Amino acid sequence: MPTIQIMSVIGSAVPAPLRKLGVLACWYLMHDGEPVSGPLTSLSAAEQQAATFRLRA
């Protein structure tokens, strides 16, 4: 089973298009230090996607 981690970023690390929408934080799914999903605009969305990713593995 792959190890999926959720990484959060805040402030200037948030992609510019999201910052323009007023998003101050976002989340990515990471595998072996590489993003495999995201940016996601809520932790719950990241958790749901991580669960789905784990089920497929």
C-alpha atoms as a PDB file:
ATOM      1  CA  MET A   1       0.000   0.000   0.000  1.00  0.00           C
ATOM      2  CA  PRO A   2       1.470   3.379  -0.963  1.00  0.00           C
ATOM      3  CA  THR A   3       2.100   5.878   1.774  1.00  0.00           C
ATOM      4  CA  ILE A   4       0.044   8.973   1.097  1.00  0.00           C
ATOM      5  CA  GLN A   5       0.621  12.065   3.175  1.00  0.00           C
ATOM      6  CA  ILE A   6      -1.340  15.297   3.293  1.00  0.00           C
ATOM      7  CA  MET A   7       0.729  18.462   3.091  1.00  0.00           C
ATOM      8  CA  SER A   8      -0.706  21.895   3.813  1.00  0.00           C
ATOM      9  CA  VAL A   9       0.612  25.165   2.460  1.00  0.00           C
ATOM     10  CA  ILE A  10      -0.317  28.680   3.510  1.00  0.00           C
ATOM     11  CA  GLY A  11       0.133  32.251   2.383  1.00  0.00           C
ATOM     12  CA  SER A  12       2.410  32.868  -0.580  1.00  0.00           C
ATOM     13  CA  ALA A  13       2.875  29.096  -1.086  1.00  0.00           C
ATOM     14  CA  VAL A  14      -0.781  28.869  -2.178  1.00  0.00           C
ATOM     15  CA  PRO A  15      -0.980  29.012  -5.992  1.00  0.00           C
ATOM     16  CA  ALA A  16      -1.727  32.521  -7.286  1.00  0.00           C
ATOM     17  CA  PRO A  17      -5.096  31.619  -8.890  1.00  0.00           C
ATOM     18  CA  LEU A  18      -6.365  30.380  -5.524  1.00  0.00           C
ATOM     19  CA  ARG A  19      -4.968  33.401  -3.670  1.00  0.00           C
ATOM     20  CA  LYS A  20      -6.857  35.644  -6.098  1.00  0.00           C
ATOM     21  CA  LEU A  21     -10.036  33.844  -4.977  1.00  0.00           C
ATOM     22  CA  GLY A  22      -9.184  34.575  -1.350  1.00  0.00           C
ATOM     23  CA  VAL A  23      -7.939  31.074  -0.469  1.00  0.00           C
ATOM     24  CA  LEU A  24      -5.281  31.391   2.251  1.00  0.00           C
ATOM     25  CA  ALA A  25      -4.389  27.691   2.617  1.00  0.00           C
ATOM     26  CA  CYS A  26      -4.535  24.573   0.470  1.00  0.00           C
ATOM     27  CA  TRP A  27      -3.594  20.918   0.702  1.00  0.00           C
ATOM     28  CA  TYR A  28      -1.746  18.451  -1.511  1.00  0.00           C
ATOM     29  CA  LEU A  29      -1.516  14.672  -1.439  1.00  0.00           C
ATOM     30  CA  MET A  30       2.104  13.583  -1.446  1.00  0.00           C
ATOM     31  CA  HIS A  31       3.751  10.261  -2.274  1.00  0.00           C
ATOM     32  CA  ASP A  32       7.521   9.878  -1.860  1.00  0.00           C
ATOM     33  CA  GLY A  33       7.874  13.660  -1.615  1.00  0.00           C
ATOM     34  CA  GLU A  34       6.070  14.298  -4.900  1.00  0.00           C
ATOM     35  CA  PRO A  35       2.586  15.796  -5.214  1.00  0.00           C
ATOM     36  CA  VAL A  36       0.053  13.329  -6.625  1.00  0.00           C
ATOM     37  CA  SER A  37      -2.990  15.556  -6.208  1.00  0.00           C
ATOM     38  CA  GLY A  38      -3.977  19.079  -5.443  1.00  0.00           C
ATOM     39  CA  PRO A  39      -4.138  21.823  -4.705  1.00  0.00           C
ATOM     40  CA  LEU A  40      -7.261  21.053  -2.710  1.00  0.00           C
ATOM     41  CA  THR A  41      -9.123  23.818  -0.934  1.00  0.00           C
ATOM     42  CA  SER A  42     -10.120  21.916   2.206  1.00  0.00           C
ATOM     43  CA  LEU A  43      -8.587  19.384   4.542  1.00  0.00           C
ATOM     44  CA  SER A  44     -11.705  17.236   4.336  1.00  0.00           C
ATOM     45  CA  ALA A  45     -11.368  17.087   0.528  1.00  0.00           C
ATOM     46  CA  ALA A  46      -7.734  16.031   0.926  1.00  0.00           C
ATOM     47  CA  GLU A  47      -8.693  13.349   3.461  1.00  0.00           C
ATOM     48  CA  GLN A  48     -11.422  12.002   1.176  1.00  0.00           C
ATOM     49  CA  GLN A  49      -9.111  11.900  -1.811  1.00  0.00           C
ATOM     50  CA  ALA A  50      -6.371  10.221   0.246  1.00  0.00           C
ATOM     51  CA  ALA A  51      -8.838   7.531   1.332  1.00  0.00           C
ATOM     52  CA  THR A  52      -9.866   6.969  -2.286  1.00  0.00           C
ATOM     53  CA  PHE A  53      -6.223   6.769  -3.368  1.00  0.00           C
ATOM     54  CA  ARG A  54      -5.492   4.175  -0.664  1.00  0.00           C
ATOM     55  CA  LEU A  55      -8.489   2.054  -1.705  1.00  0.00           C
ATOM     56  CA  ARG A  56      -7.238   1.907  -5.280  1.00  0.00           C
ATOM     57  CA  ALA A  57      -3.787   0.711  -4.225  1.00  0.00           C
END
